[in-house]
Amino acid sequence: MDKIPSRDGTVIAYRHRGEGPPVILVGGSLGTAATEAALARLLAPRFHVVTYDRRGRGSSGDGGPYAVEREIEDLAALVAAVGGRASVFGTGSGGALALEAQAAGLPVELLAVYEPPYTPGASGLQYKACCTSRLHGLLSAGDRAGAVELFLSVTGVPADMIARMRRAPLWSDLVAMAHTLAYDDALLGDGSIPAARFAAVTARTLVICGGSSPTPARQSTRALAEALPRARHRTLTGQTRELAPQAVAPVLRDFFARSVPLRQAS
């Protein structure tokens, strides 16, 4: 993997594939560059695709203490590395990070997000507050495995599947990244959609949800699209939180094809 220093000196590890307009993939909770590799391969024939380990994950460093601004700076370093502008696709909490970065002025050509996990509404905010309290309690007690189990359960993974995951080789990798669940929790704030802040998102934005995702997730993406100045919403039939790369790749190819290669920009 290539490496680049972020503004605070934290080393960010990344991979790049293909040639063409740059597209950066921002992974969600407990994800790494490897998680996005299949989608990157599908997009690489038409784009210069960058995948990376967000700070605290995989081969990237973890300069502390955590702040959302540091993650925005990490993404900004990658944008600078590919020429100063890029299109971005973020899944889950990675979508929330991409939105925060663009609202803060990151030069993004086009922005697409898949189900950023906002929980608007009174019951949603109460649920988020409860999960935040439980997560920090587990991490403070050093129960990293418990924190991973909590995350998986609240995102809809059945208990029997979690039990199988605990016996699988990947479990140790997930536990090693457990502390970054607190980073994503901070990124999402109280769980509401920060409409006032997102009024500053100037990029044309595609907000995507899965047609088989839970109703609250689908409703949240529609509310998000309505809160963004230049957004449209799209539902992918049959998709859930576990988005299939082959289902979203054609949508992203069409959307990101609207970007202008940097060498042609005026």
C-alpha atoms as a PDB file:
ATOM      1  CA  MET A   1       0.000   0.000   0.000  1.00  0.00           C
ATOM      2  CA  ASP A   2       1.078   3.567  -0.613  1.00  0.00           C
ATOM      3  CA  LYS A   3       1.178   5.939   2.347  1.00  0.00           C
ATOM      4  CA  ILE A   4       0.669   9.658   2.771  1.00  0.00           C
ATOM      5  CA  PRO A   5       0.877  11.879   5.860  1.00  0.00           C
ATOM      6  CA  SER A   6      -2.227  13.695   6.979  1.00  0.00           C
ATOM      7  CA  ARG A   7      -2.030  17.240   8.291  1.00  0.00           C
ATOM      8  CA  ASP A   8      -1.357  16.087  11.871  1.00  0.00           C
ATOM      9  CA  GLY A   9       1.344  13.660  10.719  1.00  0.00           C
ATOM     10  CA  THR A  10      -0.793  10.529  10.934  1.00  0.00           C
ATOM     11  CA  VAL A  11       0.143   8.154   8.120  1.00  0.00           C
ATOM     12  CA  ILE A  12      -2.784   7.106   5.919  1.00  0.00           C
ATOM     13  CA  ALA A  13      -2.417   3.926   3.848  1.00  0.00           C
ATOM     14  CA  TYR A  14      -4.145   3.720   0.481  1.00  0.00           C
ATOM     15  CA  ARG A  15      -4.337   1.834  -2.809  1.00  0.00           C
ATOM     16  CA  HIS A  16      -5.127   3.108  -6.280  1.00  0.00           C
ATOM     17  CA  ARG A  17      -6.331   1.360  -9.419  1.00  0.00           C
ATOM     18  CA  GLY A  18      -7.163   2.384 -12.963  1.00  0.00           C
ATOM     19  CA  GLU A  19      -6.925   5.629 -14.910  1.00  0.00           C
ATOM     20  CA  GLY A  20      -9.365   8.447 -15.531  1.00  0.00           C
ATOM     21  CA  PRO A  21     -11.257  10.893 -13.315  1.00  0.00           C
ATOM     22  CA  PRO A  22     -10.356  10.234  -9.662  1.00  0.00           C
ATOM     23  CA  VAL A  23     -12.898   8.551  -7.394  1.00  0.00           C
ATOM     24  CA  ILE A  24     -12.231   7.956  -3.691  1.00  0.00           C
ATOM     25  CA  LEU A  25     -14.135   5.226  -1.833  1.00  0.00           C
ATOM     26  CA  VAL A  26     -14.710   5.889   1.865  1.00  0.00           C
ATOM     27  CA  GLY A  27     -15.499   2.752   3.846  1.00  0.00           C
ATOM     28  CA  GLY A  28     -17.888   2.396   6.750  1.00  0.00           C
ATOM     29  CA  SER A  29     -17.486   1.124  10.291  1.00  0.00           C
ATOM     30  CA  LEU A  30     -14.893  -1.632  10.769  1.00  0.00           C
ATOM     31  CA  GLY A  31     -14.042  -1.461   7.061  1.00  0.00           C
ATOM     32  CA  THR A  32     -10.645  -1.102   5.399  1.00  0.00           C
ATOM     33  CA  ALA A  33      -9.349  -0.594   1.877  1.00  0.00           C
ATOM     34  CA  ALA A  34      -9.714  -4.342   1.380  1.00  0.00           C
ATOM     35  CA  THR A  35     -13.435  -4.089   2.115  1.00  0.00           C
ATOM     36  CA  GLU A  36     -13.856  -1.766  -0.868  1.00  0.00           C
ATOM     37  CA  ALA A  37     -11.557  -3.718  -3.201  1.00  0.00           C
ATOM     38  CA  ALA A  38     -14.300  -5.512  -5.145  1.00  0.00           C
ATOM     39  CA  LEU A  39     -16.113  -2.279  -5.970  1.00  0.00           C
ATOM     40  CA  ALA A  40     -12.825  -0.587  -6.813  1.00  0.00           C
ATOM     41  CA  ARG A  41     -12.024  -3.306  -9.360  1.00  0.00           C
ATOM     42  CA  LEU A  42     -15.406  -2.818 -11.034  1.00  0.00           C
ATOM     43  CA  LEU A  43     -14.873   0.947 -11.315  1.00  0.00           C
ATOM     44  CA  ALA A  44     -11.188   0.877 -12.263  1.00  0.00           C
ATOM     45  CA  PRO A  45     -11.720   0.383 -16.037  1.00  0.00           C
ATOM     46  CA  ARG A  46     -13.161   3.925 -16.215  1.00  0.00           C
ATOM     47  CA  PHE A  47     -11.799   5.757 -13.172  1.00  0.00           C
ATOM     48  CA  HIS A  48      -8.693   6.261 -11.076  1.00  0.00           C
ATOM     49  CA  VAL A  49     -10.070   4.618  -7.928  1.00  0.00           C
ATOM     50  CA  VAL A  50      -8.566   5.162  -4.477  1.00  0.00           C
ATOM     51  CA  THR A  51      -9.391   3.021  -1.466  1.00  0.00           C
ATOM     52  CA  TYR A  52      -7.879   3.641   1.947  1.00  0.00           C
ATOM     53  CA  ASP A  53      -7.706   2.562   5.559  1.00  0.00           C
ATOM     54  CA  ARG A  54      -9.345   5.256   7.638  1.00  0.00           C
ATOM     55  CA  ARG A  55      -7.289   6.283  10.657  1.00  0.00           C
ATOM     56  CA  GLY A  56      -7.073   3.632  13.338  1.00  0.00           C
ATOM     57  CA  ARG A  57      -7.847   0.894  10.836  1.00  0.00           C
ATOM     58  CA  GLY A  58      -5.650  -1.552   8.942  1.00  0.00           C
ATOM     59  CA  SER A  59      -2.274  -0.111   7.969  1.00  0.00           C
ATOM     60  CA  SER A  60      -3.064   3.532   8.753  1.00  0.00           C
ATOM     61  CA  GLY A  61      -1.845   5.317  11.850  1.00  0.00           C
ATOM     62  CA  ASP A  62      -3.962   6.665  14.662  1.00  0.00           C
ATOM     63  CA  GLY A  63      -2.805  10.028  15.949  1.00  0.00           C
ATOM     64  CA  GLY A  64      -5.021  11.024  18.827  1.00  0.00           C
ATOM     65  CA  PRO A  65      -7.153  12.318  20.336  1.00  0.00           C
ATOM     66  CA  TYR A  66      -9.869  11.724  17.756  1.00  0.00           C
ATOM     67  CA  ALA A  67     -11.711  14.603  16.095  1.00  0.00           C
ATOM     68  CA  VAL A  68     -13.912  14.615  13.013  1.00  0.00           C
ATOM     69  CA  GLU A  69     -11.704  17.385  11.628  1.00  0.00           C
ATOM     70  CA  ARG A  70      -8.733  14.984  11.584  1.00  0.00           C
ATOM     71  CA  GLU A  71     -10.644  12.508   9.408  1.00  0.00           C
ATOM     72  CA  ILE A  72     -11.597  15.320   7.062  1.00  0.00           C
ATOM     73  CA  GLU A  73      -7.913  16.224   6.824  1.00  0.00           C
ATOM     74  CA  ASP A  74      -7.097  12.583   5.996  1.00  0.00           C
ATOM     75  CA  LEU A  75      -9.538  12.658   3.100  1.00  0.00           C
ATOM     76  CA  ALA A  76      -8.201  16.044   2.008  1.00  0.00           C
ATOM     77  CA  ALA A  77      -4.679  14.585   1.835  1.00  0.00           C
ATOM     78  CA  LEU A  78      -5.926  11.889  -0.532  1.00  0.00           C
ATOM     79  CA  VAL A  79      -7.757  14.413  -2.696  1.00  0.00           C
ATOM     80  CA  ALA A  80      -4.544  16.445  -2.934  1.00  0.00           C
ATOM     81  CA  ALA A  81      -2.622  13.291  -3.888  1.00  0.00           C
ATOM     82  CA  VAL A  82      -4.893  12.649  -6.906  1.00  0.00           C
ATOM     83  CA  GLY A  83      -4.692  16.185  -8.250  1.00  0.00           C
ATOM     84  CA  GLY A  84      -6.745  18.454  -6.001  1.00  0.00           C
ATOM     85  CA  ARG A  85     -10.293  17.414  -6.885  1.00  0.00           C
ATOM     86  CA  ALA A  86     -12.126  14.092  -6.857  1.00  0.00           C
ATOM     87  CA  SER A  87     -15.509  12.428  -6.761  1.00  0.00           C
ATOM     88  CA  VAL A  88     -16.315  10.476  -3.609  1.00  0.00           C
ATOM     89  CA  PHE A  89     -18.489   7.505  -2.666  1.00  0.00           C
ATOM     90  CA  GLY A  90     -19.036   6.744   1.008  1.00  0.00           C
ATOM     91  CA  THR A  91     -20.871   3.816   2.551  1.00  0.00           C
ATOM     92  CA  GLY A  92     -22.410   3.890   6.026  1.00  0.00           C
ATOM     93  CA  SER A  93     -20.387   6.103   8.340  1.00  0.00           C
ATOM     94  CA  GLY A  94     -18.051   6.734   5.407  1.00  0.00           C
ATOM     95  CA  GLY A  95     -20.944   8.516   3.736  1.00  0.00           C
ATOM     96  CA  ALA A  96     -21.379  10.721   6.792  1.00  0.00           C
ATOM     97  CA  LEU A  97     -17.656  11.522   6.696  1.00  0.00           C
ATOM     98  CA  ALA A  98     -17.818  12.390   2.993  1.00  0.00           C
ATOM     99  CA  LEU A  99     -20.741  14.747   3.617  1.00  0.00           C
ATOM    100  CA  GLU A 100     -18.989  16.422   6.541  1.00  0.00           C
ATOM    101  CA  ALA A 101     -15.847  16.851   4.436  1.00  0.00           C
ATOM    102  CA  GLN A 102     -17.703  18.444   1.525  1.00  0.00           C
ATOM    103  CA  ALA A 103     -19.643  20.719   3.876  1.00  0.00           C
ATOM    104  CA  ALA A 104     -16.278  21.828   5.266  1.00  0.00           C
ATOM    105  CA  GLY A 105     -15.098  22.769   1.779  1.00  0.00           C
ATOM    106  CA  LEU A 106     -13.346  19.662   0.459  1.00  0.00           C
ATOM    107  CA  PRO A 107     -13.191  20.038  -3.363  1.00  0.00           C
ATOM    108  CA  VAL A 108     -15.478  17.202  -4.418  1.00  0.00           C
ATOM    109  CA  GLU A 109     -16.741  16.964  -8.010  1.00  0.00           C
ATOM    110  CA  LEU A 110     -19.613  14.569  -7.372  1.00  0.00           C
ATOM    111  CA  LEU A 111     -20.672  12.863  -4.159  1.00  0.00           C
ATOM    112  CA  ALA A 112     -22.562   9.608  -3.650  1.00  0.00           C
ATOM    113  CA  VAL A 113     -23.465   8.045  -0.309  1.00  0.00           C
ATOM    114  CA  TYR A 114     -25.089   4.768   0.675  1.00  0.00           C
ATOM    115  CA  GLU A 115     -27.206   4.717   3.833  1.00  0.00           C
ATOM    116  CA  PRO A 116     -25.316   7.018   6.212  1.00  0.00           C
ATOM    117  CA  PRO A 117     -26.647   5.725   9.561  1.00  0.00           C
ATOM    118  CA  TYR A 118     -28.481   8.790  10.831  1.00  0.00           C
ATOM    119  CA  THR A 119     -31.374   8.118  13.193  1.00  0.00           C
ATOM    120  CA  PRO A 120     -33.686  11.146  12.984  1.00  0.00           C
ATOM    121  CA  GLY A 121     -36.836  11.430  15.075  1.00  0.00           C
ATOM    122  CA  ALA A 122     -37.320  11.293  18.821  1.00  0.00           C
ATOM    123  CA  SER A 123     -37.164   7.498  19.085  1.00  0.00           C
ATOM    124  CA  GLY A 124     -34.117   7.365  16.825  1.00  0.00           C
ATOM    125  CA  LEU A 125     -32.222   9.924  18.874  1.00  0.00           C
ATOM    126  CA  GLN A 126     -33.051   8.094  22.097  1.00  0.00           C
ATOM    127  CA  TYR A 127     -31.821   4.837  20.561  1.00  0.00           C
ATOM    128  CA  LYS A 128     -28.596   6.501  19.401  1.00  0.00           C
ATOM    129  CA  ALA A 129     -27.981   7.955  22.866  1.00  0.00           C
ATOM    130  CA  CYS A 130     -28.500   4.528  24.443  1.00  0.00           C
ATOM    131  CA  CYS A 131     -26.109   2.873  21.986  1.00  0.00           C
ATOM    132  CA  THR A 132     -23.511   5.586  22.554  1.00  0.00           C
ATOM    133  CA  SER A 133     -23.634   5.043  26.306  1.00  0.00           C
ATOM    134  CA  ARG A 134     -23.343   1.269  25.975  1.00  0.00           C
ATOM    135  CA  LEU A 135     -20.516   1.502  23.425  1.00  0.00           C
ATOM    136  CA  HIS A 136     -18.386   3.819  25.531  1.00  0.00           C
ATOM    137  CA  GLY A 137     -19.047   1.711  28.604  1.00  0.00           C
ATOM    138  CA  LEU A 138     -17.780  -1.411  26.871  1.00  0.00           C
ATOM    139  CA  LEU A 139     -14.707   0.314  25.457  1.00  0.00           C
ATOM    140  CA  SER A 140     -13.894   1.918  28.808  1.00  0.00           C
ATOM    141  CA  ALA A 141     -14.066  -1.523  30.410  1.00  0.00           C
ATOM    142  CA  GLY A 142     -11.694  -2.911  27.780  1.00  0.00           C
ATOM    143  CA  ASP A 143     -14.373  -5.176  26.317  1.00  0.00           C
ATOM    144  CA  ARG A 144     -13.477  -4.661  22.672  1.00  0.00           C
ATOM    145  CA  ALA A 145     -15.209  -7.845  21.556  1.00  0.00           C
ATOM    146  CA  GLY A 146     -18.354  -6.702  23.342  1.00  0.00           C
ATOM    147  CA  ALA A 147     -18.194  -3.376  21.492  1.00  0.00           C
ATOM    148  CA  VAL A 148     -17.975  -5.195  18.148  1.00  0.00           C
ATOM    149  CA  GLU A 149     -20.909  -7.431  19.125  1.00  0.00           C
ATOM    150  CA  LEU A 150     -22.955  -4.370  20.067  1.00  0.00           C
ATOM    151  CA  PHE A 151     -22.252  -2.724  16.715  1.00  0.00           C
ATOM    152  CA  LEU A 152     -23.121  -5.853  14.763  1.00  0.00           C
ATOM    153  CA  SER A 153     -26.333  -6.422  16.684  1.00  0.00           C
ATOM    154  CA  VAL A 154     -27.618  -2.851  16.312  1.00  0.00           C
ATOM    155  CA  THR A 155     -26.911  -3.001  12.574  1.00  0.00           C
ATOM    156  CA  GLY A 156     -29.102  -6.059  12.225  1.00  0.00           C
ATOM    157  CA  VAL A 157     -26.663  -8.964  12.220  1.00  0.00           C
ATOM    158  CA  PRO A 158     -28.426 -12.020  13.750  1.00  0.00           C
ATOM    159  CA  ALA A 159     -27.030 -13.464  16.982  1.00  0.00           C
ATOM    160  CA  ASP A 160     -26.230 -16.830  15.393  1.00  0.00           C
ATOM    161  CA  MET A 161     -24.222 -15.115  12.662  1.00  0.00           C
ATOM    162  CA  ILE A 162     -22.314 -13.078  15.243  1.00  0.00           C
ATOM    163  CA  ALA A 163     -21.499 -16.317  17.048  1.00  0.00           C
ATOM    164  CA  ARG A 164     -20.102 -17.775  13.809  1.00  0.00           C
ATOM    165  CA  MET A 165     -18.110 -14.608  13.174  1.00  0.00           C
ATOM    166  CA  ARG A 166     -16.504 -14.887  16.611  1.00  0.00           C
ATOM    167  CA  ARG A 167     -15.039 -18.249  15.542  1.00  0.00           C
ATOM    168  CA  ALA A 168     -13.801 -16.964  12.194  1.00  0.00           C
ATOM    169  CA  PRO A 169     -10.266 -15.622  11.516  1.00  0.00           C
ATOM    170  CA  LEU A 170     -11.639 -12.157  10.677  1.00  0.00           C
ATOM    171  CA  TRP A 171     -12.888 -11.669  14.233  1.00  0.00           C
ATOM    172  CA  SER A 172      -9.466 -10.642  15.547  1.00  0.00           C
ATOM    173  CA  ASP A 173      -9.244  -7.974  12.840  1.00  0.00           C
ATOM    174  CA  LEU A 174     -12.631  -6.565  13.839  1.00  0.00           C
ATOM    175  CA  VAL A 175     -11.700  -6.522  17.524  1.00  0.00           C
ATOM    176  CA  ALA A 176      -8.452  -4.706  16.682  1.00  0.00           C
ATOM    177  CA  MET A 177     -10.531  -1.899  15.150  1.00  0.00           C
ATOM    178  CA  ALA A 178     -13.146  -1.788  17.928  1.00  0.00           C
ATOM    179  CA  HIS A 179     -11.945   1.581  19.252  1.00  0.00           C
ATOM    180  CA  THR A 180     -12.803   3.197  15.905  1.00  0.00           C
ATOM    181  CA  LEU A 181     -16.484   2.524  16.571  1.00  0.00           C
ATOM    182  CA  ALA A 182     -16.252   5.440  18.999  1.00  0.00           C
ATOM    183  CA  TYR A 183     -14.864   7.552  16.146  1.00  0.00           C
ATOM    184  CA  ASP A 184     -17.877   6.785  13.967  1.00  0.00           C
ATOM    185  CA  ASP A 185     -20.177   7.409  16.909  1.00  0.00           C
ATOM    186  CA  ALA A 186     -18.647  10.877  17.296  1.00  0.00           C
ATOM    187  CA  LEU A 187     -18.933  11.464  13.564  1.00  0.00           C
ATOM    188  CA  LEU A 188     -22.697  10.917  13.723  1.00  0.00           C
ATOM    189  CA  GLY A 189     -23.227  13.317  16.630  1.00  0.00           C
ATOM    190  CA  ASP A 190     -26.596  12.824  18.283  1.00  0.00           C
ATOM    191  CA  GLY A 191     -27.858  10.863  15.285  1.00  0.00           C
ATOM    192  CA  SER A 192     -29.872  13.640  13.673  1.00  0.00           C
ATOM    193  CA  ILE A 193     -29.210  14.876  10.138  1.00  0.00           C
ATOM    194  CA  PRO A 194     -27.233  18.138  10.525  1.00  0.00           C
ATOM    195  CA  ALA A 195     -29.332  19.993   7.964  1.00  0.00           C
ATOM    196  CA  ALA A 196     -27.948  23.446   8.772  1.00  0.00           C
ATOM    197  CA  ARG A 197     -24.365  22.280   8.302  1.00  0.00           C
ATOM    198  CA  PHE A 198     -25.167  20.240   5.212  1.00  0.00           C
ATOM    199  CA  ALA A 199     -26.674  23.304   3.550  1.00  0.00           C
ATOM    200  CA  ALA A 200     -23.029  24.017   2.676  1.00  0.00           C
ATOM    201  CA  VAL A 201     -22.723  20.817   0.584  1.00  0.00           C
ATOM    202  CA  THR A 202     -22.307  22.197  -2.932  1.00  0.00           C
ATOM    203  CA  ALA A 203     -21.504  18.981  -4.809  1.00  0.00           C
ATOM    204  CA  ARG A 204     -24.183  17.226  -6.810  1.00  0.00           C
ATOM    205  CA  THR A 205     -25.074  14.348  -4.533  1.00  0.00           C
ATOM    206  CA  LEU A 206     -26.670  10.951  -5.043  1.00  0.00           C
ATOM    207  CA  VAL A 207     -28.190   9.459  -1.882  1.00  0.00           C
ATOM    208  CA  ILE A 208     -28.763   5.717  -2.226  1.00  0.00           C
ATOM    209  CA  CYS A 209     -30.589   3.166  -0.127  1.00  0.00           C
ATOM    210  CA  GLY A 210     -31.398  -0.514  -0.487  1.00  0.00           C
ATOM    211  CA  GLY A 211     -34.928  -1.502  -1.346  1.00  0.00           C
ATOM    212  CA  SER A 212     -34.758  -4.343   1.197  1.00  0.00           C
ATOM    213  CA  SER A 213     -33.153  -2.263   3.942  1.00  0.00           C
ATOM    214  CA  PRO A 214     -35.180  -1.578   7.104  1.00  0.00           C
ATOM    215  CA  THR A 215     -37.817   1.128   6.773  1.00  0.00           C
ATOM    216  CA  PRO A 216     -36.010   3.589   9.120  1.00  0.00           C
ATOM    217  CA  ALA A 217     -32.861   3.405   6.984  1.00  0.00           C
ATOM    218  CA  ARG A 218     -34.815   4.093   3.808  1.00  0.00           C
ATOM    219  CA  GLN A 219     -36.724   6.956   5.414  1.00  0.00           C
ATOM    220  CA  SER A 220     -33.488   8.443   6.739  1.00  0.00           C
ATOM    221  CA  THR A 221     -31.898   8.527   3.280  1.00  0.00           C
ATOM    222  CA  ARG A 222     -34.935  10.303   1.852  1.00  0.00           C
ATOM    223  CA  ALA A 223     -34.797  12.890   4.638  1.00  0.00           C
ATOM    224  CA  LEU A 224     -31.077  13.325   3.968  1.00  0.00           C
ATOM    225  CA  ALA A 225     -31.644  13.888   0.245  1.00  0.00           C
ATOM    226  CA  GLU A 226     -34.260  16.530   1.055  1.00  0.00           C
ATOM    227  CA  ALA A 227     -31.812  18.314   3.373  1.00  0.00           C
ATOM    228  CA  LEU A 228     -29.055  18.582   0.749  1.00  0.00           C
ATOM    229  CA  PRO A 229     -29.094  21.471  -1.756  1.00  0.00           C
ATOM    230  CA  ARG A 230     -28.298  19.467  -4.914  1.00  0.00           C
ATOM    231  CA  ALA A 231     -29.287  15.883  -4.154  1.00  0.00           C
ATOM    232  CA  ARG A 232     -31.427  13.190  -5.658  1.00  0.00           C
ATOM    233  CA  HIS A 233     -32.455   9.896  -4.134  1.00  0.00           C
ATOM    234  CA  ARG A 234     -32.246   6.406  -5.590  1.00  0.00           C
ATOM    235  CA  THR A 235     -33.363   3.027  -4.262  1.00  0.00           C
ATOM    236  CA  LEU A 236     -31.535  -0.126  -5.357  1.00  0.00           C
ATOM    237  CA  THR A 237     -34.036  -2.975  -5.542  1.00  0.00           C
ATOM    238  CA  GLY A 238     -33.164  -5.990  -3.442  1.00  0.00           C
ATOM    239  CA  GLN A 239     -30.197  -4.394  -1.677  1.00  0.00           C
ATOM    240  CA  THR A 240     -29.698  -4.273   2.088  1.00  0.00           C
ATOM    241  CA  ARG A 241     -27.105  -2.743   4.379  1.00  0.00           C
ATOM    242  CA  GLU A 242     -24.654  -5.274   2.889  1.00  0.00           C
ATOM    243  CA  LEU A 243     -24.464  -3.580  -0.483  1.00  0.00           C
ATOM    244  CA  ALA A 244     -23.427  -5.809  -3.389  1.00  0.00           C
ATOM    245  CA  PRO A 245     -20.619  -4.158  -5.415  1.00  0.00           C
ATOM    246  CA  GLN A 246     -22.054  -5.423  -8.703  1.00  0.00           C
ATOM    247  CA  ALA A 247     -25.391  -3.751  -7.896  1.00  0.00           C
ATOM    248  CA  VAL A 248     -24.026  -0.287  -7.176  1.00  0.00           C
ATOM    249  CA  ALA A 249     -21.102  -0.196  -9.658  1.00  0.00           C
ATOM    250  CA  PRO A 250     -23.255   0.582 -12.747  1.00  0.00           C
ATOM    251  CA  VAL A 251     -25.047   3.352 -10.855  1.00  0.00           C
ATOM    252  CA  LEU A 252     -21.766   4.917  -9.788  1.00  0.00           C
ATOM    253  CA  ARG A 253     -20.225   4.560 -13.246  1.00  0.00           C
ATOM    254  CA  ASP A 254     -23.131   6.496 -14.725  1.00  0.00           C
ATOM    255  CA  PHE A 255     -23.135   9.147 -12.015  1.00  0.00           C
ATOM    256  CA  PHE A 256     -19.382   9.718 -11.837  1.00  0.00           C
ATOM    257  CA  ALA A 257     -19.052   9.766 -15.636  1.00  0.00           C
ATOM    258  CA  ARG A 258     -20.426  13.301 -15.416  1.00  0.00           C
ATOM    259  CA  SER A 259     -17.188  14.503 -13.840  1.00  0.00           C
ATOM    260  CA  VAL A 260     -14.674  16.261 -16.073  1.00  0.00           C
ATOM    261  CA  PRO A 261     -11.129  14.844 -16.173  1.00  0.00           C
ATOM    262  CA  LEU A 262      -8.764  17.283 -14.475  1.00  0.00           C
ATOM    263  CA  ARG A 263      -6.673  17.747 -17.613  1.00  0.00           C
ATOM    264  CA  GLN A 264      -9.781  19.150 -19.355  1.00  0.00           C
ATOM    265  CA  ALA A 265     -10.929  21.399 -16.524  1.00  0.00           C
ATOM    266  CA  SER A 266     -10.782  25.115 -17.170  1.00  0.00           C
END
